[in-house]
Amino acid sequence: MWRKSVSRRYICLMGRSVGLEEFWGSCAGRPCSSQASPSGRINARQAADIWRKCFEANGVTEPDLSCQYIIAHVLGAKTIEGVKRERLSAFLTEEETQRIWKLCEKRLSRMPVQYVIEEWDFRDVTLKMRPPVFIPRPETEELVELVLTDLQRKPGSPTCLEVGCGSGAISLSLLKNLPQLRAIALDQSGQAVELTRENALRLGLQDRLKVFHVDVTKDAETVLKLCSNVSALVSNPPYLFSEDLSSLEPEILRFEDHAALDGGNDGMKVIHKILTLAPQILSDDGWTPDTHSSFCSGWRPTWSGYVWPRRVTTSAAGLDFASFGKTSQTTTSCTWVERARSYYAGFSPGRHSPCCPAPPHPPSTPEPSNMHQL
């Protein structure tokens, strides 16, 4: 109904003014590399319709959600459902229209929405985001839930080490939920370290988090000096095969840090290093190995009895979490390693409503021969 009421409004298209119906038809029928700002006044629903069709014509992933998040952000909300109905039907100001157009043109270039609006929710924290720092995947929220369950059982003030902190999502979410916890976060990217520190400061968690710029694959000695006697080690490390990088979606290939994605020829380069260092980093008391785990047979020869698989959990999202424990009489420290079965960042369930469709998954790749599930 709202389209009828604005049929006489006009938009400037390629140097001339055209009616909205003609504009919508032209956008749906051909790819558009950019959109001129409308010369007439439009409302948020119209803006969403214009950009949805433009995104669809240009093959932009999740066109509906993309324009909805951007418009909601400009209107001061996190989701389109959070914007009042009358606000969606009211005319946008010139400044709001220009902001929507500017941000949507960034999305049209295939920049992820998380970078476009420069923030994103991860569980119960809102994080600043900027390229090329790795965008936390929705499935990693499940990893945090599992780690929280383990850490809540630990007495005293446990310390958690995160390898590859990116924006700080895992560490900061853990710290917010566990007031007694202290954390150390490492990343090979100086930009990631800077962003994690910024997010910690914004959330008031900086006093319980130490962040260091160090590459675990190149400087094991520094890692051991900075991180000893920790209660838990958690990581969402690079896990892609190097040969798969070129086939990734443009949102990932063009904008995210390749070093946060590339796991080497077998996808295990960083994972191997983490689990090699884990026995020297974990506190003396650790998890008793679960010899009944079907995961054990794949890892036992590799780790020579120092770090053992304790638990493997397969989530509904198609993600395997492997918990490794250090052999000991007691059970208070562990290492969590995540290996996702999909590469796509998608939209966090913390940001959108439950009715939104799940993001598409690229084709799966063969698993390394020395892996059982992870």
Protein backbone atom coordinates (compact mmCIF):
# COMPACT_ATOMS: atom_id res chain seq x y z
CA MET A 1 0.00 0.00 0.00
CA TRP A 2 2.82 2.38 0.75
CA ARG A 3 4.09 2.02 -2.84
CA LYS A 4 0.85 3.54 -4.19
CA SER A 5 1.10 6.54 -1.92
CA VAL A 6 4.55 7.47 -3.25
CA SER A 7 4.13 6.67 -6.92
CA ARG A 8 4.65 10.33 -7.79
CA ARG A 9 7.90 10.62 -5.90
CA TYR A 10 11.04 10.70 -8.02
CA ILE A 11 14.59 9.46 -7.84
CA CYS A 12 17.58 10.73 -9.78
CA LEU A 13 18.86 7.87 -11.92
CA MET A 14 21.87 8.20 -14.22
CA GLY A 15 21.55 11.96 -14.47
CA ARG A 16 17.76 12.14 -14.88
CA SER A 17 14.72 12.03 -12.62
CA VAL A 18 12.52 8.98 -12.88
CA GLY A 19 9.46 7.68 -11.01
CA LEU A 20 9.99 5.14 -8.29
CA GLU A 21 8.23 2.40 -10.27
CA GLU A 22 10.63 2.88 -13.17
CA PHE A 23 13.55 2.95 -10.76
CA TRP A 24 12.53 -0.33 -9.11
CA GLY A 25 12.03 -1.97 -12.47
CA SER A 26 15.41 -0.87 -13.77
CA CYS A 27 17.19 -2.03 -10.62
CA ALA A 28 15.56 -5.44 -10.70
CA GLY A 29 16.40 -5.96 -14.34
CA ARG A 30 20.12 -5.24 -14.37
CA PRO A 31 23.12 -5.11 -12.05
CA CYS A 32 23.83 -1.66 -10.63
CA SER A 33 27.31 -0.66 -9.53
CA SER A 34 26.00 2.29 -7.51
CA GLN A 35 22.80 4.12 -6.69
CA ALA A 36 22.24 7.86 -6.89
CA SER A 37 20.60 9.32 -3.81
CA PRO A 38 16.86 9.94 -4.31
CA SER A 39 15.93 13.48 -5.27
CA GLY A 40 12.58 13.18 -3.52
CA ARG A 41 11.70 12.12 0.01
CA ILE A 42 11.24 8.43 0.74
CA ASN A 43 10.64 6.36 3.86
CA ALA A 44 12.61 3.48 5.35
CA ARG A 45 10.43 0.80 3.75
CA GLN A 46 11.04 2.27 0.32
CA ALA A 47 14.76 2.54 0.93
CA ALA A 48 14.84 -1.11 2.00
CA ASP A 49 12.95 -2.18 -1.12
CA ILE A 50 15.25 -0.20 -3.41
CA TRP A 51 18.41 -1.63 -1.93
CA ARG A 52 17.09 -5.17 -1.59
CA LYS A 53 16.43 -5.29 -5.32
CA CYS A 54 19.79 -3.73 -6.06
CA PHE A 55 21.58 -6.25 -3.83
CA GLU A 56 19.68 -9.13 -5.42
CA ALA A 57 20.56 -7.91 -8.92
CA ASN A 58 24.23 -7.80 -7.96
CA GLY A 59 24.38 -11.14 -6.17
CA VAL A 60 24.97 -9.68 -2.71
CA THR A 61 24.57 -12.35 -0.03
CA GLU A 62 21.47 -12.04 2.19
CA PRO A 63 20.04 -8.94 0.49
CA ASP A 64 17.04 -8.56 2.83
CA LEU A 65 18.99 -8.75 6.05
CA SER A 66 21.79 -6.60 4.67
CA CYS A 67 19.61 -3.58 3.94
CA GLN A 68 17.51 -4.12 7.07
CA TYR A 69 20.52 -4.06 9.40
CA ILE A 70 21.92 -0.96 7.73
CA ILE A 71 18.64 0.93 7.86
CA ALA A 72 18.00 -0.14 11.46
CA HIS A 73 21.49 1.07 12.37
CA VAL A 74 20.89 4.47 10.81
CA LEU A 75 17.59 4.74 12.69
CA GLY A 76 19.24 3.92 16.00
CA ALA A 77 18.16 0.29 16.40
CA LYS A 78 19.92 -3.07 16.09
CA THR A 79 17.25 -4.82 14.04
CA ILE A 80 14.44 -3.66 11.81
CA GLU A 81 12.05 -5.25 14.31
CA GLY A 82 13.35 -2.79 16.88
CA VAL A 83 12.19 0.20 14.81
CA LYS A 84 8.67 1.44 15.51
CA ARG A 85 6.21 0.82 12.68
CA GLU A 86 5.35 4.50 12.31
CA ARG A 87 9.06 5.32 12.07
CA LEU A 88 9.43 2.93 9.14
CA SER A 89 6.58 4.70 7.31
CA ALA A 90 7.74 8.24 8.10
CA PHE A 91 9.87 10.13 5.62
CA LEU A 92 13.60 9.88 6.16
CA THR A 93 15.54 13.07 6.71
CA GLU A 94 18.03 14.07 4.04
CA GLU A 95 20.88 13.13 6.39
CA GLU A 96 19.38 9.69 7.10
CA THR A 97 18.88 9.02 3.40
CA GLN A 98 22.45 9.98 2.60
CA ARG A 99 23.79 7.74 5.39
CA ILE A 100 21.72 4.79 4.18
CA TRP A 101 22.94 5.28 0.62
CA LYS A 102 26.55 5.62 1.71
CA LEU A 103 26.46 2.47 3.85
CA CYS A 104 24.50 0.43 1.31
CA GLU A 105 27.01 1.31 -1.39
CA LYS A 106 29.70 -0.13 0.85
CA ARG A 107 27.64 -3.32 1.15
CA LEU A 108 27.21 -3.31 -2.62
CA SER A 109 31.00 -3.58 -2.88
CA ARG A 110 30.54 -6.85 -0.88
CA MET A 111 31.88 -5.38 2.35
CA PRO A 112 30.35 -7.42 5.23
CA VAL A 113 27.57 -5.68 7.13
CA GLN A 114 29.63 -6.00 10.32
CA TYR A 115 32.27 -3.74 8.79
CA VAL A 116 29.73 -1.46 7.15
CA ILE A 117 27.98 -0.48 10.39
CA GLU A 118 31.25 -0.82 12.36
CA GLU A 119 29.77 -2.85 15.22
CA TRP A 120 28.24 -6.25 15.93
CA ASP A 121 26.68 -8.18 18.78
CA PHE A 122 28.35 -11.32 20.06
CA ARG A 123 26.21 -13.02 22.69
CA ASP A 124 25.73 -10.31 25.31
CA VAL A 125 28.40 -7.82 24.20
CA THR A 126 28.43 -5.25 21.41
CA LEU A 127 31.81 -5.08 19.70
CA LYS A 128 33.36 -2.45 17.48
CA MET A 129 34.27 -3.97 14.13
CA ARG A 130 36.58 -2.85 11.35
CA PRO A 131 38.44 -4.56 8.50
CA PRO A 132 40.48 -6.64 8.26
CA VAL A 133 39.98 -7.95 11.80
CA PHE A 134 38.31 -11.36 11.74
CA ILE A 135 34.53 -11.26 12.20
CA PRO A 136 33.33 -13.62 14.96
CA ARG A 137 31.20 -16.41 13.49
CA PRO A 138 27.77 -17.17 14.95
CA GLU A 139 28.79 -20.71 15.86
CA THR A 140 31.56 -19.39 18.12
CA GLU A 141 28.84 -18.26 20.51
CA GLU A 142 28.22 -21.96 21.13
CA LEU A 143 31.91 -22.45 21.89
CA VAL A 144 31.70 -19.71 24.55
CA GLU A 145 28.69 -21.42 26.13
CA LEU A 146 30.62 -24.68 26.45
CA VAL A 147 33.71 -22.99 27.87
CA LEU A 148 31.57 -21.06 30.36
CA THR A 149 30.09 -24.32 31.59
CA ASP A 150 33.58 -25.65 32.33
CA LEU A 151 34.97 -22.46 33.85
CA GLN A 152 31.99 -22.00 36.18
CA ARG A 153 33.00 -25.23 37.92
CA LYS A 154 36.49 -23.98 38.70
CA PRO A 155 37.17 -22.65 42.20
CA GLY A 156 39.04 -19.42 42.90
CA SER A 157 40.07 -17.05 40.10
CA PRO A 158 40.82 -19.02 36.93
CA THR A 159 42.84 -17.61 34.04
CA CYS A 160 41.89 -18.19 30.42
CA LEU A 161 44.18 -17.85 27.41
CA GLU A 162 42.69 -17.08 24.00
CA VAL A 163 44.87 -17.64 20.95
CA GLY A 164 43.78 -15.55 17.96
CA CYS A 165 41.54 -13.02 19.70
CA GLY A 166 40.44 -10.97 16.67
CA SER A 167 37.98 -8.42 18.00
CA GLY A 168 38.14 -9.95 21.48
CA ALA A 169 34.74 -11.63 21.22
CA ILE A 170 35.52 -14.84 23.11
CA SER A 171 37.60 -13.36 25.93
CA LEU A 172 35.32 -10.39 26.51
CA SER A 173 32.17 -12.49 26.56
CA LEU A 174 33.77 -14.88 29.06
CA LEU A 175 34.97 -12.00 31.24
CA LYS A 176 31.55 -10.35 31.27
CA ASN A 177 29.90 -13.56 32.48
CA LEU A 178 32.56 -14.59 34.99
CA PRO A 179 33.58 -11.73 37.33
CA GLN A 180 36.25 -13.93 38.94
CA LEU A 181 37.94 -14.72 35.61
CA ARG A 182 41.09 -13.13 34.23
CA ALA A 183 42.12 -13.53 30.60
CA ILE A 184 45.11 -13.27 28.30
CA ALA A 185 44.52 -12.73 24.58
CA LEU A 186 47.04 -13.15 21.76
CA ASP A 187 46.89 -12.33 18.06
CA GLN A 188 49.36 -12.19 15.20
CA SER A 189 47.64 -9.04 13.90
CA GLY A 190 48.45 -5.67 15.42
CA GLN A 191 45.08 -4.38 14.20
CA ALA A 192 43.29 -7.17 16.05
CA VAL A 193 45.22 -6.46 19.24
CA GLU A 194 44.32 -2.78 19.01
CA LEU A 195 40.63 -3.53 18.41
CA THR A 196 40.46 -6.02 21.28
CA ARG A 197 41.92 -3.42 23.63
CA GLU A 198 39.44 -0.84 22.37
CA ASN A 199 36.50 -3.20 22.90
CA ALA A 200 37.73 -4.13 26.37
CA LEU A 201 37.91 -0.45 27.31
CA ARG A 202 34.41 0.23 25.97
CA LEU A 203 33.02 -2.68 28.00
CA GLY A 204 34.94 -1.77 31.16
CA LEU A 205 36.81 -5.09 31.16
CA GLN A 206 40.33 -3.80 30.49
CA ASP A 207 41.55 -4.41 34.06
CA ARG A 208 41.02 -8.18 33.78
CA LEU A 209 42.38 -8.65 30.25
CA LYS A 210 45.96 -8.59 28.99
CA VAL A 211 46.37 -8.42 25.22
CA PHE A 212 49.64 -9.17 23.41
CA HIS A 213 50.76 -8.93 19.78
CA VAL A 214 52.46 -12.27 19.21
CA ASP A 215 52.35 -15.06 16.61
CA VAL A 216 52.17 -18.51 18.22
CA THR A 217 53.54 -20.17 15.08
CA LYS A 218 56.69 -18.03 15.04
CA ASP A 219 57.47 -17.06 18.63
CA ALA A 220 56.73 -19.94 20.96
CA GLU A 221 59.29 -18.71 23.50
CA THR A 222 57.45 -15.41 23.96
CA VAL A 223 54.12 -17.22 24.26
CA LEU A 224 55.50 -19.40 27.05
CA LYS A 225 56.90 -16.38 28.91
CA LEU A 226 53.62 -14.47 28.71
CA CYS A 227 51.21 -17.33 29.25
CA SER A 228 51.99 -19.90 31.91
CA ASN A 229 49.90 -21.74 34.45
CA VAL A 230 46.56 -20.92 32.80
CA SER A 231 43.37 -22.77 33.70
CA ALA A 232 41.98 -22.96 30.18
CA LEU A 233 43.09 -22.35 26.63
CA VAL A 234 40.49 -21.51 24.01
CA SER A 235 40.85 -20.76 20.32
CA ASN A 236 39.02 -20.39 17.05
CA PRO A 237 42.18 -20.71 14.95
CA PRO A 238 42.65 -20.58 11.17
CA TYR A 239 41.35 -23.87 9.79
CA LEU A 240 40.93 -23.43 6.03
CA PHE A 241 43.12 -25.24 3.54
CA SER A 242 45.34 -22.73 1.73
CA GLU A 243 44.04 -23.92 -1.62
CA ASP A 244 40.46 -23.02 -0.62
CA LEU A 245 41.07 -19.33 0.03
CA SER A 246 40.58 -18.27 -3.59
CA SER A 247 37.11 -19.85 -3.67
CA LEU A 248 35.75 -17.96 -0.67
CA GLU A 249 32.90 -15.46 -0.86
CA PRO A 250 34.00 -11.91 -1.81
CA GLU A 251 32.95 -10.72 1.66
CA ILE A 252 35.69 -12.90 3.14
CA LEU A 253 38.30 -12.88 0.39
CA ARG A 254 38.37 -9.10 -0.12
CA PHE A 255 37.98 -7.82 3.40
CA GLU A 256 39.05 -10.26 6.13
CA ASP A 257 42.60 -10.94 7.23
CA HIS A 258 43.78 -14.01 5.31
CA ALA A 259 46.17 -14.89 8.13
CA ALA A 260 43.13 -15.41 10.38
CA LEU A 261 41.70 -17.89 7.87
CA ASP A 262 44.62 -19.79 6.31
CA GLY A 263 45.39 -23.00 8.19
CA GLY A 264 48.08 -24.15 5.78
CA ASN A 265 48.06 -27.05 3.36
CA ASP A 266 46.13 -29.34 5.71
CA GLY A 267 44.24 -26.67 7.66
CA MET A 268 46.11 -27.70 10.81
CA LYS A 269 49.16 -25.43 10.91
CA VAL A 270 48.05 -23.24 13.81
CA ILE A 271 46.01 -25.95 15.54
CA HIS A 272 49.09 -28.19 15.71
CA LYS A 273 51.12 -25.39 17.28
CA ILE A 274 48.47 -24.56 19.86
CA LEU A 275 48.18 -28.16 21.02
CA THR A 276 51.95 -28.57 21.08
CA LEU A 277 52.30 -25.57 23.40
CA ALA A 278 49.27 -26.43 25.54
CA PRO A 279 51.04 -28.86 27.94
CA GLN A 280 53.57 -26.15 28.82
CA ILE A 281 50.89 -23.45 29.22
CA LEU A 282 48.21 -25.26 31.21
CA SER A 283 48.42 -25.42 34.99
CA ASP A 284 49.78 -28.62 36.54
CA ASP A 285 46.35 -29.95 37.41
CA GLY A 286 44.47 -30.82 34.27
CA TRP A 287 41.80 -32.96 32.72
CA THR A 288 42.04 -36.73 32.90
CA PRO A 289 42.05 -38.10 29.31
CA ASP A 290 38.83 -39.67 28.08
CA THR A 291 40.10 -42.88 26.56
CA HIS A 292 36.62 -43.81 25.44
CA SER A 293 36.28 -40.84 23.10
CA SER A 294 36.16 -41.89 19.46
CA PHE A 295 38.20 -38.78 18.84
CA CYS A 296 41.19 -40.19 20.73
CA SER A 297 42.36 -42.59 18.04
CA GLY A 298 43.00 -39.74 15.62
CA TRP A 299 44.99 -37.60 18.06
CA ARG A 300 46.78 -40.07 20.35
CA PRO A 301 49.82 -40.63 18.06
CA THR A 302 50.20 -36.93 17.40
CA TRP A 303 50.41 -35.67 20.96
CA SER A 304 52.51 -38.43 22.58
CA GLY A 305 50.46 -38.55 25.74
CA TYR A 306 50.83 -34.89 26.77
CA VAL A 307 47.51 -33.40 25.69
CA TRP A 308 44.55 -35.69 25.21
CA PRO A 309 41.09 -35.34 23.71
CA ARG A 310 38.52 -35.04 26.49
CA ARG A 311 35.24 -34.29 24.75
CA VAL A 312 33.88 -33.68 21.27
CA THR A 313 30.58 -31.86 20.88
CA THR A 314 28.82 -31.48 17.55
CA SER A 315 26.46 -28.52 17.51
CA ALA A 316 23.25 -28.08 15.56
CA ALA A 317 25.08 -25.54 13.40
CA GLY A 318 27.46 -28.23 12.15
CA LEU A 319 30.45 -27.34 14.30
CA ASP A 320 32.77 -29.62 16.24
CA PHE A 321 34.24 -28.46 19.53
CA ALA A 322 37.10 -30.55 20.86
CA SER A 323 38.17 -30.23 24.47
CA PHE A 324 41.71 -31.37 25.28
CA GLY A 325 42.97 -32.04 28.79
CA LYS A 326 46.42 -32.34 30.29
CA THR A 327 47.04 -35.73 31.88
CA SER A 328 46.84 -35.52 35.68
CA GLN A 329 45.09 -36.79 38.79
CA THR A 330 42.64 -33.88 38.98
CA THR A 331 40.47 -32.03 36.52
CA THR A 332 40.66 -28.24 36.42
CA SER A 333 42.30 -27.07 33.18
CA CYS A 334 41.64 -27.68 29.52
CA THR A 335 42.10 -26.50 25.96
CA TRP A 336 39.19 -25.79 23.66
CA VAL A 337 39.74 -25.81 19.90
CA GLU A 338 37.04 -25.00 17.40
CA ARG A 339 36.95 -26.19 13.81
CA ALA A 340 33.95 -24.95 11.89
CA ARG A 341 32.46 -26.80 8.96
CA SER A 342 31.51 -23.56 7.25
CA TYR A 343 33.50 -20.45 6.44
CA TYR A 344 30.71 -17.89 6.15
CA ALA A 345 30.45 -15.23 8.86
CA GLY A 346 26.71 -14.67 8.40
CA PHE A 347 24.62 -12.92 11.01
CA SER A 348 24.84 -13.60 14.71
CA PRO A 349 21.66 -14.87 16.38
CA GLY A 350 22.31 -12.24 19.02
CA ARG A 351 21.58 -9.54 16.45
CA HIS A 352 18.67 -10.84 14.38
CA SER A 353 15.32 -12.36 15.28
CA PRO A 354 14.90 -16.16 15.47
CA CYS A 355 12.71 -16.16 12.38
CA CYS A 356 15.58 -15.12 10.10
CA PRO A 357 16.90 -17.87 7.81
CA ALA A 358 20.25 -19.48 8.49
CA PRO A 359 23.15 -18.29 6.31
CA PRO A 360 24.14 -20.47 3.36
CA HIS A 361 27.10 -22.80 3.69
CA PRO A 362 29.77 -23.22 1.01
CA PRO A 363 30.66 -26.74 -0.12
CA SER A 364 32.49 -28.78 2.50
CA THR A 365 36.13 -29.72 2.04
CA PRO A 366 37.72 -33.11 2.72
CA GLU A 367 39.07 -33.55 6.24
CA PRO A 368 42.79 -34.24 6.89
CA SER A 369 43.61 -37.91 7.21
CA ASN A 370 44.88 -37.53 10.80
CA MET A 371 41.57 -36.09 12.01
CA HIS A 372 38.62 -38.09 13.22
CA GLN A 373 36.01 -35.35 13.50
CA LEU A 374 37.66 -32.01 14.11
